[in-house]
Amino acid sequence: MDRARFEAIVADALRSIPRDFRDAMRNIAIVVEDEPSRQLLREMEIDPPDTLFGLYQGTPLTERGWDYGNALPDRILLFQGPHEREAEDDDDLVISIGETLIHEIGHYFGMSEEEIQEIEDHYWHAQDGED
């Protein structure tokens, strides 16, 4: 799929993130890249066939001091190739991207892996109409 179509699906997935989280996000860019680099996978200690769907780069809100400011935007990288290969169809792609966004946005807010998992579980229940 071309980049414009993928970015449109990213926009759809971002709209599925709870409004409270979207409204609280400041100075953060969501960037789509084709694939994670080999160097990044090595740094993250990810060995094939495993891969990376997304990555938060920045300083979590919980780690910012009183003097934090005038900084470049934090970034959430989304890797198009892994998402496309994993998804069965466009709906599955939106869900996969949404899950990745929730996870990386959780890191932006300084949440632990356990807290992020709880939010992801809530997201899936809401998607299934179980809430």
Protein backbone atom coordinates (compact mmCIF):
# COMPACT_ATOMS: atom_id res chain seq x y z
CA MET A 1 0.00 0.00 0.00
CA ASP A 2 1.26 3.49 -0.66
CA ARG A 3 2.34 5.81 2.16
CA ALA A 4 -0.62 8.18 1.79
CA ARG A 5 -3.13 5.33 2.28
CA PHE A 6 -1.17 3.97 5.26
CA GLU A 7 -1.04 7.43 6.86
CA ALA A 8 -4.81 7.76 6.39
CA ILE A 9 -5.22 4.47 8.28
CA VAL A 10 -2.87 5.81 11.00
CA ALA A 11 -5.16 8.86 11.29
CA ASP A 12 -8.18 6.52 11.66
CA ALA A 13 -6.37 4.52 14.33
CA LEU A 14 -5.36 7.70 16.18
CA ARG A 15 -9.02 8.74 16.33
CA SER A 16 -9.72 5.43 18.11
CA ILE A 17 -7.44 6.45 21.00
CA PRO A 18 -9.47 7.78 23.95
CA ARG A 19 -9.96 11.54 23.69
CA ASP A 20 -8.48 12.16 27.15
CA PHE A 21 -5.15 10.80 25.95
CA ARG A 22 -5.25 12.59 22.59
CA ASP A 23 -6.10 15.91 24.24
CA ALA A 24 -3.22 15.57 26.73
CA MET A 25 -0.57 14.93 24.08
CA ARG A 26 1.66 17.95 23.42
CA ASN A 27 4.72 18.46 21.24
CA ILE A 28 4.76 14.92 19.85
CA ALA A 29 5.05 13.82 16.23
CA ILE A 30 3.81 10.55 14.79
CA VAL A 31 6.20 9.50 12.04
CA VAL A 32 5.75 6.62 9.62
CA GLU A 33 8.85 4.78 8.42
CA ASP A 34 9.10 1.75 6.15
CA GLU A 35 10.98 -0.65 8.44
CA PRO A 36 12.98 -0.55 11.66
CA SER A 37 16.68 -0.40 10.84
CA ARG A 38 18.94 -3.35 11.62
CA GLN A 39 20.85 -1.09 14.01
CA LEU A 40 17.65 -0.19 15.88
CA LEU A 41 16.64 -3.85 16.14
CA ARG A 42 20.10 -4.67 17.56
CA GLU A 43 19.85 -1.79 20.06
CA MET A 44 16.41 -3.04 21.14
CA GLU A 45 17.77 -6.63 21.28
CA ILE A 46 15.15 -7.87 18.84
CA ASP A 47 16.19 -10.88 16.78
CA PRO A 48 14.45 -12.01 13.57
CA PRO A 49 11.85 -13.20 12.94
CA ASP A 50 10.62 -10.80 15.66
CA THR A 51 10.37 -7.16 14.67
CA LEU A 52 9.31 -3.76 15.92
CA PHE A 53 5.95 -2.16 15.14
CA GLY A 54 6.55 1.18 16.82
CA LEU A 55 8.87 3.10 19.10
CA TYR A 56 8.56 6.10 21.41
CA GLN A 57 11.54 8.44 21.31
CA GLY A 58 11.64 11.25 23.81
CA THR A 59 11.45 12.14 27.48
CA PRO A 60 8.36 10.74 29.23
CA LEU A 61 6.21 13.35 30.96
CA THR A 62 6.98 11.79 34.34
CA GLU A 63 10.72 12.38 33.84
CA ARG A 64 10.54 16.03 32.85
CA GLY A 65 11.82 18.52 35.36
CA TRP A 66 10.83 22.11 35.94
CA ASP A 67 13.49 23.21 33.45
CA TYR A 68 12.25 21.05 30.58
CA GLY A 69 11.31 23.18 27.59
CA ASN A 70 12.30 24.43 24.17
CA ALA A 71 12.75 20.82 23.08
CA LEU A 72 12.18 19.21 19.72
CA PRO A 73 8.98 17.17 19.62
CA ASP A 74 8.99 13.67 21.03
CA ARG A 75 8.35 11.08 18.33
CA ILE A 76 6.35 7.95 17.92
CA LEU A 77 7.73 5.93 15.03
CA LEU A 78 5.33 3.55 13.30
CA PHE A 79 6.83 0.97 10.96
CA GLN A 80 4.61 0.38 7.95
CA GLY A 81 6.13 -2.90 6.72
CA PRO A 82 5.66 -4.94 9.91
CA HIS A 83 2.09 -3.66 10.31
CA GLU A 84 1.15 -4.51 6.74
CA ARG A 85 2.67 -7.99 6.91
CA GLU A 86 0.86 -8.78 10.18
CA ALA A 87 -2.60 -7.43 9.27
CA GLU A 88 -5.17 -9.58 7.52
CA ASP A 89 -7.17 -6.62 6.15
CA ASP A 90 -7.62 -2.86 6.57
CA ASP A 91 -9.74 -3.26 9.73
CA ASP A 92 -7.06 -5.46 11.29
CA LEU A 93 -4.45 -2.89 10.24
CA VAL A 94 -6.34 -0.09 12.05
CA ILE A 95 -6.50 -2.23 15.19
CA SER A 96 -2.82 -3.15 14.99
CA ILE A 97 -1.79 0.47 14.54
CA GLY A 98 -4.16 1.54 17.32
CA GLU A 99 -2.62 -0.98 19.70
CA THR A 100 0.88 0.22 18.81
CA LEU A 101 -0.15 3.85 19.30
CA ILE A 102 -1.67 3.08 22.71
CA HIS A 103 1.53 1.35 23.76
CA GLU A 104 3.85 4.13 22.60
CA ILE A 105 1.60 6.90 23.92
CA GLY A 106 1.70 5.09 27.25
CA HIS A 107 5.48 5.44 27.21
CA TYR A 108 5.07 9.16 26.45
CA PHE A 109 2.96 9.47 29.60
CA GLY A 110 5.58 7.55 31.59
CA MET A 111 3.41 4.50 32.26
CA SER A 112 4.82 1.15 33.28
CA GLU A 113 4.44 -1.90 31.04
CA GLU A 114 1.75 -3.19 33.44
CA GLU A 115 -0.23 0.06 33.22
CA ILE A 116 0.06 0.04 29.43
CA GLN A 117 -1.12 -3.57 29.32
CA GLU A 118 -4.18 -2.65 31.41
CA ILE A 119 -5.04 0.17 29.00
CA GLU A 120 -4.51 -2.10 25.99
CA ASP A 121 -6.83 -4.67 27.55
CA HIS A 122 -9.43 -1.95 28.12
CA TYR A 123 -9.00 -0.80 24.50
CA TRP A 124 -9.68 -4.32 23.21
CA HIS A 125 -12.76 -4.72 25.40
CA ALA A 126 -14.07 -1.38 24.14
CA GLN A 127 -13.41 -2.43 20.52
CA ASP A 128 -15.33 -5.66 21.11
CA GLY A 129 -18.26 -3.78 22.68
CA GLU A 130 -17.66 -5.40 26.06
CA ASP A 131 -17.47 -2.12 28.00
